[in-house]
PDB file of N, CA and C in Angstrom:
ATOM      1  N   MET A   1     -34.234  -1.377  10.824  1.00  0.00           N
ATOM      2  CA  MET A   1     -33.089  -1.050   9.973  1.00  0.00           C
ATOM      3  C   MET A   1     -32.254  -2.303   9.780  1.00  0.00           C
ATOM      4  N   PHE A   2     -30.957  -2.260  10.059  1.00  0.00           N
ATOM      5  CA  PHE A   2     -30.067  -3.395   9.875  1.00  0.00           C
ATOM      6  C   PHE A   2     -29.460  -3.779  11.204  1.00  0.00           C
ATOM      7  N   ASP A   3     -29.296  -5.091  11.434  1.00  0.00           N
ATOM      8  CA  ASP A   3     -28.523  -5.457  12.611  1.00  0.00           C
ATOM      9  C   ASP A   3     -27.049  -5.404  12.201  1.00  0.00           C
ATOM     10  N   ASN A   4     -26.150  -5.485  13.159  1.00  0.00           N
ATOM     11  CA  ASN A   4     -24.722  -5.320  12.867  1.00  0.00           C
ATOM     12  C   ASN A   4     -24.215  -6.289  11.820  1.00  0.00           C
ATOM     13  N   ASP A   5     -24.695  -7.529  11.821  1.00  0.00           N
ATOM     14  CA  ASP A   5     -24.220  -8.503  10.843  1.00  0.00           C
ATOM     15  C   ASP A   5     -24.620  -8.121   9.427  1.00  0.00           C
ATOM     16  N   GLU A   6     -25.767  -7.488   9.237  1.00  0.00           N
ATOM     17  CA  GLU A   6     -26.192  -7.085   7.899  1.00  0.00           C
ATOM     18  C   GLU A   6     -25.466  -5.821   7.456  1.00  0.00           C
ATOM     19  N   PHE A   7     -25.274  -4.863   8.355  1.00  0.00           N
ATOM     20  CA  PHE A   7     -24.660  -3.594   7.975  1.00  0.00           C
ATOM     21  C   PHE A   7     -23.154  -3.728   7.775  1.00  0.00           C
ATOM     22  N   PHE A   8     -22.485  -4.472   8.641  1.00  0.00           N
ATOM     23  CA  PHE A   8     -21.030  -4.557   8.624  1.00  0.00           C
ATOM     24  C   PHE A   8     -20.522  -5.870   8.037  1.00  0.00           C
ATOM     25  N   SER A   9     -21.047  -6.280   6.923  1.00  0.00           N
ATOM     26  CA  SER A   9     -20.586  -7.522   6.312  1.00  0.00           C
ATOM     27  C   SER A   9     -20.153  -7.299   4.874  1.00  0.00           C
ATOM     28  N   PRO A  10     -18.860  -7.552   4.559  1.00  0.00           N
ATOM     29  CA  PRO A  10     -18.428  -7.388   3.180  1.00  0.00           C
ATOM     30  C   PRO A  10     -19.018  -8.449   2.262  1.00  0.00           C
ATOM     31  N   LYS A  11     -19.500  -9.522   2.834  1.00  0.00           N
ATOM     32  CA  LYS A  11     -20.018 -10.615   2.018  1.00  0.00           C
ATOM     33  C   LYS A  11     -21.442 -10.957   2.428  1.00  0.00           C
ATOM     34  N   ASP A  12     -22.357 -10.026   2.181  1.00  0.00           N
ATOM     35  CA  ASP A  12     -23.767 -10.290   2.465  1.00  0.00           C
ATOM     36  C   ASP A  12     -24.210 -11.493   1.650  1.00  0.00           C
ATOM     37  N   PRO A  13     -24.971 -12.399   2.248  1.00  0.00           N
ATOM     38  CA  PRO A  13     -25.426 -13.582   1.513  1.00  0.00           C
ATOM     39  C   PRO A  13     -26.149 -13.207   0.228  1.00  0.00           C
ATOM     40  N   GLY A  14     -25.726 -13.803  -0.857  1.00  0.00           N
ATOM     41  CA  GLY A  14     -26.391 -13.600  -2.139  1.00  0.00           C
ATOM     42  C   GLY A  14     -25.994 -12.329  -2.863  1.00  0.00           C
ATOM     43  N   LEU A  15     -25.158 -11.505  -2.267  1.00  0.00           N
ATOM     44  CA  LEU A  15     -24.741 -10.256  -2.891  1.00  0.00           C
ATOM     45  C   LEU A  15     -23.236 -10.294  -3.159  1.00  0.00           C
ATOM     46  N   PRO A  16     -22.798  -9.738  -4.281  1.00  0.00           N
ATOM     47  CA  PRO A  16     -21.357  -9.728  -4.554  1.00  0.00           C
ATOM     48  C   PRO A  16     -20.637  -8.777  -3.598  1.00  0.00           C
ATOM     49  N   PRO A  17     -19.384  -9.077  -3.256  1.00  0.00           N
ATOM     50  CA  PRO A  17     -18.652  -8.148  -2.397  1.00  0.00           C
ATOM     51  C   PRO A  17     -18.450  -6.819  -3.113  1.00  0.00           C
ATOM     52  N   LEU A  18     -18.398  -5.741  -2.350  1.00  0.00           N
ATOM     53  CA  LEU A  18     -18.184  -4.414  -2.908  1.00  0.00           C
ATOM     54  C   LEU A  18     -16.744  -3.977  -2.666  1.00  0.00           C
ATOM     55  N   ASP A  19     -16.120  -3.360  -3.665  1.00  0.00           N
ATOM     56  CA  ASP A  19     -14.784  -2.811  -3.489  1.00  0.00           C
ATOM     57  C   ASP A  19     -14.841  -1.604  -2.571  1.00  0.00           C
ATOM     58  N   CYS A  20     -13.743  -1.342  -1.891  1.00  0.00           N
ATOM     59  CA  CYS A  20     -13.612  -0.124  -1.109  1.00  0.00           C
ATOM     60  C   CYS A  20     -13.537   1.043  -2.084  1.00  0.00           C
ATOM     61  N   VAL A  21     -14.311   2.099  -1.831  1.00  0.00           N
ATOM     62  CA  VAL A  21     -14.292   3.283  -2.691  1.00  0.00           C
ATOM     63  C   VAL A  21     -13.488   4.419  -2.064  1.00  0.00           C
ATOM     64  N   GLY A  22     -12.976   4.205  -0.854  1.00  0.00           N
ATOM     65  CA  GLY A  22     -12.179   5.227  -0.193  1.00  0.00           C
ATOM     66  C   GLY A  22     -12.991   6.377   0.361  1.00  0.00           C
ATOM     67  N   CYS A  23     -14.206   6.089   0.845  1.00  0.00           N
ATOM     68  CA  CYS A  23     -15.068   7.161   1.355  1.00  0.00           C
ATOM     69  C   CYS A  23     -14.617   7.669   2.728  1.00  0.00           C
ATOM     70  N   GLY A  24     -13.837   6.883   3.454  1.00  0.00           N
ATOM     71  CA  GLY A  24     -13.314   7.301   4.746  1.00  0.00           C
ATOM     72  C   GLY A  24     -14.201   7.011   5.937  1.00  0.00           C
ATOM     73  N   TRP A  25     -15.388   6.503   5.698  1.00  0.00           N
ATOM     74  CA  TRP A  25     -16.348   6.309   6.788  1.00  0.00           C
ATOM     75  C   TRP A  25     -15.784   5.452   7.916  1.00  0.00           C
ATOM     76  N   CYS A  26     -15.178   4.350   7.588  1.00  0.00           N
ATOM     77  CA  CYS A  26     -14.674   3.435   8.626  1.00  0.00           C
ATOM     78  C   CYS A  26     -13.701   4.140   9.566  1.00  0.00           C
ATOM     79  N   CYS A  27     -12.732   4.828   8.997  1.00  0.00           N
ATOM     80  CA  CYS A  27     -11.677   5.451   9.795  1.00  0.00           C
ATOM     81  C   CYS A  27     -12.141   6.720  10.502  1.00  0.00           C
ATOM     82  N   LEU A  28     -13.064   7.435   9.909  1.00  0.00           N
ATOM     83  CA  LEU A  28     -13.588   8.642  10.544  1.00  0.00           C
ATOM     84  C   LEU A  28     -14.590   8.300  11.633  1.00  0.00           C
ATOM     85  N   ASP A  29     -15.364   7.232  11.429  1.00  0.00           N
ATOM     86  CA  ASP A  29     -16.379   6.839  12.399  1.00  0.00           C
ATOM     87  C   ASP A  29     -15.768   6.163  13.614  1.00  0.00           C
ATOM     88  N   ASN A  30     -14.802   5.277  13.379  1.00  0.00           N
ATOM     89  CA  ASN A  30     -14.266   4.469  14.467  1.00  0.00           C
ATOM     90  C   ASN A  30     -12.895   3.922  14.073  1.00  0.00           C
ATOM     91  N   PRO A  31     -11.810   4.596  14.461  1.00  0.00           N
ATOM     92  CA  PRO A  31     -10.486   4.093  14.091  1.00  0.00           C
ATOM     93  C   PRO A  31     -10.301   2.632  14.509  1.00  0.00           C
ATOM     94  N   CYS A  32      -9.587   1.899  13.683  1.00  0.00           N
ATOM     95  CA  CYS A  32      -9.414   0.457  13.873  1.00  0.00           C
ATOM     96  C   CYS A  32      -8.416   0.128  14.976  1.00  0.00           C
ATOM     97  N   GLU A  33      -8.337  -1.153  15.308  1.00  0.00           N
ATOM     98  CA  GLU A  33      -7.428  -1.596  16.358  1.00  0.00           C
ATOM     99  C   GLU A  33      -5.962  -1.393  15.971  1.00  0.00           C
ATOM    100  N   VAL A  34      -5.659  -1.426  14.676  1.00  0.00           N
ATOM    101  CA  VAL A  34      -4.287  -1.177  14.238  1.00  0.00           C
ATOM    102  C   VAL A  34      -3.925   0.283  14.518  1.00  0.00           C
ATOM    103  N   SER A  35      -4.828   1.197  14.208  1.00  0.00           N
ATOM    104  CA  SER A  35      -4.624   2.609  14.508  1.00  0.00           C
ATOM    105  C   SER A  35      -4.414   2.817  16.004  1.00  0.00           C
ATOM    106  N   HIS A  36      -5.232   2.173  16.820  1.00  0.00           N
ATOM    107  CA  HIS A  36      -5.109   2.301  18.275  1.00  0.00           C
ATOM    108  C   HIS A  36      -3.744   1.806  18.751  1.00  0.00           C
ATOM    109  N   ALA A  37      -3.272   0.704  18.169  1.00  0.00           N
ATOM    110  CA  ALA A  37      -1.977   0.150  18.575  1.00  0.00           C
ATOM    111  C   ALA A  37      -0.830   1.082  18.197  1.00  0.00           C
ATOM    112  N   VAL A  38      -0.919   1.709  17.030  1.00  0.00           N
ATOM    113  CA  VAL A  38       0.164   2.568  16.541  1.00  0.00           C
ATOM    114  C   VAL A  38       0.098   3.977  17.134  1.00  0.00           C
ATOM    115  N   TYR A  39      -1.103   4.577  17.174  1.00  0.00           N
ATOM    116  CA  TYR A  39      -1.250   5.985  17.549  1.00  0.00           C
ATOM    117  C   TYR A  39      -1.924   6.224  18.892  1.00  0.00           C
ATOM    118  N   GLY A  40      -2.467   5.177  19.510  1.00  0.00           N
ATOM    119  CA  GLY A  40      -3.256   5.354  20.714  1.00  0.00           C
ATOM    120  C   GLY A  40      -4.698   5.675  20.324  1.00  0.00           C
ATOM    121  N   TYR A  41      -5.526   5.936  21.301  1.00  0.00           N
ATOM    122  CA  TYR A  41      -6.940   6.196  21.032  1.00  0.00           C
ATOM    123  C   TYR A  41      -7.131   7.654  20.623  1.00  0.00           C
ATOM    124  N   THR A  42      -7.471   7.848  19.359  1.00  0.00           N
ATOM    125  CA  THR A  42      -7.695   9.189  18.827  1.00  0.00           C
ATOM    126  C   THR A  42      -9.075   9.222  18.177  1.00  0.00           C
ATOM    127  N   PRO A  43      -9.740  10.373  18.166  1.00  0.00           N
ATOM    128  CA  PRO A  43     -11.074  10.440  17.557  1.00  0.00           C
ATOM    129  C   PRO A  43     -11.032  10.277  16.033  1.00  0.00           C
ATOM    130  N   ARG A  44      -9.910  10.614  15.417  1.00  0.00           N
ATOM    131  CA  ARG A  44      -9.756  10.471  13.964  1.00  0.00           C
ATOM    132  C   ARG A  44      -8.409   9.828  13.725  1.00  0.00           C
ATOM    133  N   CYS A  45      -8.370   8.807  12.902  1.00  0.00           N
ATOM    134  CA  CYS A  45      -7.124   8.085  12.663  1.00  0.00           C
ATOM    135  C   CYS A  45      -6.098   8.988  11.974  1.00  0.00           C
ATOM    136  N   PRO A  46      -4.900   9.139  12.551  1.00  0.00           N
ATOM    137  CA  PRO A  46      -3.854   9.948  11.933  1.00  0.00           C
ATOM    138  C   PRO A  46      -3.346   9.363  10.609  1.00  0.00           C
ATOM    139  N   ALA A  47      -3.590   8.094  10.350  1.00  0.00           N
ATOM    140  CA  ALA A  47      -3.119   7.461   9.112  1.00  0.00           C
ATOM    141  C   ALA A  47      -4.063   7.711   7.935  1.00  0.00           C
ATOM    142  N   LEU A  48      -5.226   8.274   8.198  1.00  0.00           N
ATOM    143  CA  LEU A  48      -6.192   8.520   7.130  1.00  0.00           C
ATOM    144  C   LEU A  48      -5.754   9.724   6.308  1.00  0.00           C
ATOM    145  N   GLU A  49      -5.572   9.523   5.008  1.00  0.00           N
ATOM    146  CA  GLU A  49      -5.100  10.588   4.122  1.00  0.00           C
ATOM    147  C   GLU A  49      -6.047  10.764   2.941  1.00  0.00           C
ATOM    148  N   TRP A  50      -6.318  12.012   2.598  1.00  0.00           N
ATOM    149  CA  TRP A  50      -7.134  12.354   1.430  1.00  0.00           C
ATOM    150  C   TRP A  50      -6.197  12.533   0.245  1.00  0.00           C
ATOM    151  N   THR A  51      -6.460  11.856  -0.864  1.00  0.00           N
ATOM    152  CA  THR A  51      -5.584  11.936  -2.039  1.00  0.00           C
ATOM    153  C   THR A  51      -6.037  12.998  -3.031  1.00  0.00           C
ATOM    154  N   GLY A  52      -7.189  13.587  -2.798  1.00  0.00           N
ATOM    155  CA  GLY A  52      -7.792  14.497  -3.766  1.00  0.00           C
ATOM    156  C   GLY A  52      -8.955  13.831  -4.474  1.00  0.00           C
ATOM    157  N   ALA A  53      -9.014  12.500  -4.369  1.00  0.00           N
ATOM    158  CA  ALA A  53     -10.095  11.740  -4.992  1.00  0.00           C
ATOM    159  C   ALA A  53     -10.711  10.704  -4.047  1.00  0.00           C
ATOM    160  N   ARG A  54      -9.944  10.274  -3.044  1.00  0.00           N
ATOM    161  CA  ARG A  54     -10.408   9.254  -2.103  1.00  0.00           C
ATOM    162  C   ARG A  54      -9.520   9.242  -0.878  1.00  0.00           C
ATOM    163  N   TYR A  55      -9.976   8.565   0.159  1.00  0.00           N
ATOM    164  CA  TYR A  55      -9.157   8.367   1.348  1.00  0.00           C
ATOM    165  C   TYR A  55      -8.347   7.086   1.191  1.00  0.00           C
ATOM    166  N   VAL A  56      -7.135   7.105   1.733  1.00  0.00           N
ATOM    167  CA  VAL A  56      -6.296   5.911   1.798  1.00  0.00           C
ATOM    168  C   VAL A  56      -5.726   5.811   3.207  1.00  0.00           C
ATOM    169  N   CYS A  57      -5.287   4.626   3.555  1.00  0.00           N
ATOM    170  CA  CYS A  57      -4.669   4.386   4.853  1.00  0.00           C
ATOM    171  C   CYS A  57      -3.151   4.417   4.671  1.00  0.00           C
ATOM    172  N   ALA A  58      -2.485   5.349   5.347  1.00  0.00           N
ATOM    173  CA  ALA A  58      -1.032   5.462   5.252  1.00  0.00           C
ATOM    174  C   ALA A  58      -0.333   4.212   5.771  1.00  0.00           C
ATOM    175  N   LEU A  59      -0.961   3.510   6.707  1.00  0.00           N
ATOM    176  CA  LEU A  59      -0.364   2.280   7.217  1.00  0.00           C
ATOM    177  C   LEU A  59      -0.338   1.195   6.144  1.00  0.00           C
ATOM    178  N   VAL A  60      -1.267   1.263   5.207  1.00  0.00           N
ATOM    179  CA  VAL A  60      -1.320   0.291   4.114  1.00  0.00           C
ATOM    180  C   VAL A  60      -0.408   0.714   2.962  1.00  0.00           C
ATOM    181  N   VAL A  61      -0.452   1.990   2.574  1.00  0.00           N
ATOM    182  CA  VAL A  61       0.342   2.435   1.419  1.00  0.00           C
ATOM    183  C   VAL A  61       1.824   2.602   1.773  1.00  0.00           C
ATOM    184  N   ARG A  62       2.130   2.825   3.052  1.00  0.00           N
ATOM    185  CA  ARG A  62       3.517   2.913   3.510  1.00  0.00           C
ATOM    186  C   ARG A  62       3.653   2.074   4.782  1.00  0.00           C
ATOM    187  N   PRO A  63       3.680   0.740   4.630  1.00  0.00           N
ATOM    188  CA  PRO A  63       3.720  -0.143   5.810  1.00  0.00           C
ATOM    189  C   PRO A  63       4.918   0.147   6.713  1.00  0.00           C
ATOM    190  N   GLN A  64       4.686  -0.024   7.996  1.00  0.00           N
ATOM    191  CA  GLN A  64       5.731   0.159   8.998  1.00  0.00           C
ATOM    192  C   GLN A  64       6.165  -1.203   9.511  1.00  0.00           C
ATOM    193  N   ALA A  65       7.449  -1.386   9.685  1.00  0.00           N
ATOM    194  CA  ALA A  65       7.975  -2.645  10.208  1.00  0.00           C
ATOM    195  C   ALA A  65       7.322  -2.952  11.554  1.00  0.00           C
ATOM    196  N   GLY A  66       6.906  -4.181  11.723  1.00  0.00           N
ATOM    197  CA  GLY A  66       6.331  -4.624  12.982  1.00  0.00           C
ATOM    198  C   GLY A  66       4.859  -4.328  13.175  1.00  0.00           C
ATOM    199  N   VAL A  67       4.208  -3.664  12.216  1.00  0.00           N
ATOM    200  CA  VAL A  67       2.781  -3.361  12.335  1.00  0.00           C
ATOM    201  C   VAL A  67       1.993  -4.422  11.563  1.00  0.00           C
ATOM    202  N   ASP A  68       1.170  -5.180  12.281  1.00  0.00           N
ATOM    203  CA  ASP A  68       0.356  -6.241  11.683  1.00  0.00           C
ATOM    204  C   ASP A  68      -0.882  -5.630  11.045  1.00  0.00           C
ATOM    205  N   LEU A  69      -0.969  -5.722   9.720  1.00  0.00           N
ATOM    206  CA  LEU A  69      -2.111  -5.157   8.994  1.00  0.00           C
ATOM    207  C   LEU A  69      -3.239  -6.158   8.783  1.00  0.00           C
ATOM    208  N   ALA A  70      -3.075  -7.385   9.218  1.00  0.00           N
ATOM    209  CA  ALA A  70      -4.094  -8.420   9.012  1.00  0.00           C
ATOM    210  C   ALA A  70      -5.485  -8.001   9.511  1.00  0.00           C
ATOM    211  N   PRO A  71      -5.611  -7.329  10.675  1.00  0.00           N
ATOM    212  CA  PRO A  71      -6.943  -6.945  11.143  1.00  0.00           C
ATOM    213  C   PRO A  71      -7.666  -5.945  10.240  1.00  0.00           C
ATOM    214  N   LEU A  72      -6.973  -5.357   9.263  1.00  0.00           N
ATOM    215  CA  LEU A  72      -7.613  -4.388   8.367  1.00  0.00           C
ATOM    216  C   LEU A  72      -8.368  -5.060   7.229  1.00  0.00           C
ATOM    217  N   PHE A  73      -8.129  -6.340   7.000  1.00  0.00           N
ATOM    218  CA  PHE A  73      -8.801  -7.079   5.932  1.00  0.00           C
ATOM    219  C   PHE A  73      -8.641  -6.398   4.574  1.00  0.00           C
ATOM    220  N   VAL A  74      -7.441  -5.897   4.311  1.00  0.00           N
ATOM    221  CA  VAL A  74      -7.144  -5.190   3.064  1.00  0.00           C
ATOM    222  C   VAL A  74      -7.465  -6.087   1.868  1.00  0.00           C
ATOM    223  N   GLY A  75      -8.191  -5.519   0.916  1.00  0.00           N
ATOM    224  CA  GLY A  75      -8.531  -6.236  -0.304  1.00  0.00           C
ATOM    225  C   GLY A  75      -9.766  -7.111  -0.218  1.00  0.00           C
ATOM    226  N   GLN A  76     -10.430  -7.147   0.935  1.00  0.00           N
ATOM    227  CA  GLN A  76     -11.600  -8.006   1.093  1.00  0.00           C
ATOM    228  C   GLN A  76     -12.914  -7.272   0.876  1.00  0.00           C
ATOM    229  N   GLY A  77     -12.856  -6.020   0.531  1.00  0.00           N
ATOM    230  CA  GLY A  77     -14.080  -5.288   0.200  1.00  0.00           C
ATOM    231  C   GLY A  77     -14.612  -4.437   1.326  1.00  0.00           C
ATOM    232  N   CYS A  78     -15.663  -3.717   0.999  1.00  0.00           N
ATOM    233  CA  CYS A  78     -16.303  -2.791   1.928  1.00  0.00           C
ATOM    234  C   CYS A  78     -17.114  -3.561   2.964  1.00  0.00           C
ATOM    235  N   CYS A  79     -16.999  -3.127   4.216  1.00  0.00           N
ATOM    236  CA  CYS A  79     -17.751  -3.787   5.283  1.00  0.00           C
ATOM    237  C   CYS A  79     -18.992  -2.988   5.678  1.00  0.00           C
ATOM    238  N   ALA A  80     -19.327  -1.967   4.901  1.00  0.00           N
ATOM    239  CA  ALA A  80     -20.513  -1.151   5.209  1.00  0.00           C
ATOM    240  C   ALA A  80     -21.268  -0.853   3.918  1.00  0.00           C
ATOM    241  N   ARG A  81     -21.774  -1.895   3.305  1.00  0.00           N
ATOM    242  CA  ARG A  81     -22.401  -1.765   1.984  1.00  0.00           C
ATOM    243  C   ARG A  81     -23.589  -0.818   1.963  1.00  0.00           C
ATOM    244  N   HIS A  82     -24.239  -0.585   3.082  1.00  0.00           N
ATOM    245  CA  HIS A  82     -25.414   0.281   3.126  1.00  0.00           C
ATOM    246  C   HIS A  82     -25.068   1.710   3.545  1.00  0.00           C
ATOM    247  N   ASN A  83     -23.802   2.016   3.627  1.00  0.00           N
ATOM    248  CA  ASN A  83     -23.331   3.331   4.044  1.00  0.00           C
ATOM    249  C   ASN A  83     -23.514   4.343   2.908  1.00  0.00           C
ATOM    250  N   ALA A  84     -24.193   5.440   3.166  1.00  0.00           N
ATOM    251  CA  ALA A  84     -24.479   6.460   2.144  1.00  0.00           C
ATOM    252  C   ALA A  84     -23.222   7.170   1.648  1.00  0.00           C
ATOM    253  N   TRP A  85     -22.149   7.186   2.437  1.00  0.00           N
ATOM    254  CA  TRP A  85     -20.914   7.844   2.001  1.00  0.00           C
ATOM    255  C   TRP A  85     -20.310   7.175   0.774  1.00  0.00           C
ATOM    256  N   ARG A  86     -20.622   5.902   0.552  1.00  0.00           N
ATOM    257  CA  ARG A  86     -20.067   5.187  -0.614  1.00  0.00           C
ATOM    258  C   ARG A  86     -20.401   5.921  -1.917  1.00  0.00           C
ATOM    259  N   GLY A  87     -21.554   6.544  -1.985  1.00  0.00           N
ATOM    260  CA  GLY A  87     -21.972   7.253  -3.191  1.00  0.00           C
ATOM    261  C   GLY A  87     -21.622   8.730  -3.182  1.00  0.00           C
ATOM    262  N   ASP A  88     -20.923   9.175  -2.139  1.00  0.00           N
ATOM    263  CA  ASP A  88     -20.584  10.595  -2.005  1.00  0.00           C
ATOM    264  C   ASP A  88     -19.176  10.718  -1.419  1.00  0.00           C
ATOM    265  N   VAL A  89     -18.186  10.257  -2.169  1.00  0.00           N
ATOM    266  CA  VAL A  89     -16.808  10.287  -1.711  1.00  0.00           C
ATOM    267  C   VAL A  89     -16.276  11.708  -1.820  1.00  0.00           C
ATOM    268  N   LYS A  90     -15.917  12.278  -0.679  1.00  0.00           N
ATOM    269  CA  LYS A  90     -15.384  13.639  -0.649  1.00  0.00           C
ATOM    270  C   LYS A  90     -14.582  13.810   0.633  1.00  0.00           C
ATOM    271  N   LYS A  91     -13.773  14.859   0.667  1.00  0.00           N
ATOM    272  CA  LYS A  91     -13.006  15.160   1.874  1.00  0.00           C
ATOM    273  C   LYS A  91     -13.975  15.624   2.952  1.00  0.00           C
ATOM    274  N   ARG A  92     -13.838  15.031   4.111  1.00  0.00           N
ATOM    275  CA  ARG A  92     -14.713  15.355   5.231  1.00  0.00           C
ATOM    276  C   ARG A  92     -13.863  15.790   6.420  1.00  0.00           C
ATOM    277  N   GLY A  93     -14.225  16.908   6.995  1.00  0.00           N
ATOM    278  CA  GLY A  93     -13.585  17.472   8.177  1.00  0.00           C
ATOM    279  C   GLY A  93     -12.417  16.805   8.647  1.00  0.00           C
TER     280      GLY A  93
END
């Protein structure tokens, strides 16, 4: 299959970066370090919100003073280009 560098790379060699489609996979699969710092270790990130069309991060759309968003790599594209959820964006549990 893919090693971690191939699966989790927004900039695969020779391929254009992919925009985030808001599928929610990243936050549902493994909440980020920013989520852990703000909310503690939870199985599902409390900042993940469904808009009716896509998932968004509440920490990004409504930033909180003192919360460093740099580790989220906002605007740098999808880090899971081979993820099947990209083609099936829907509200998930």
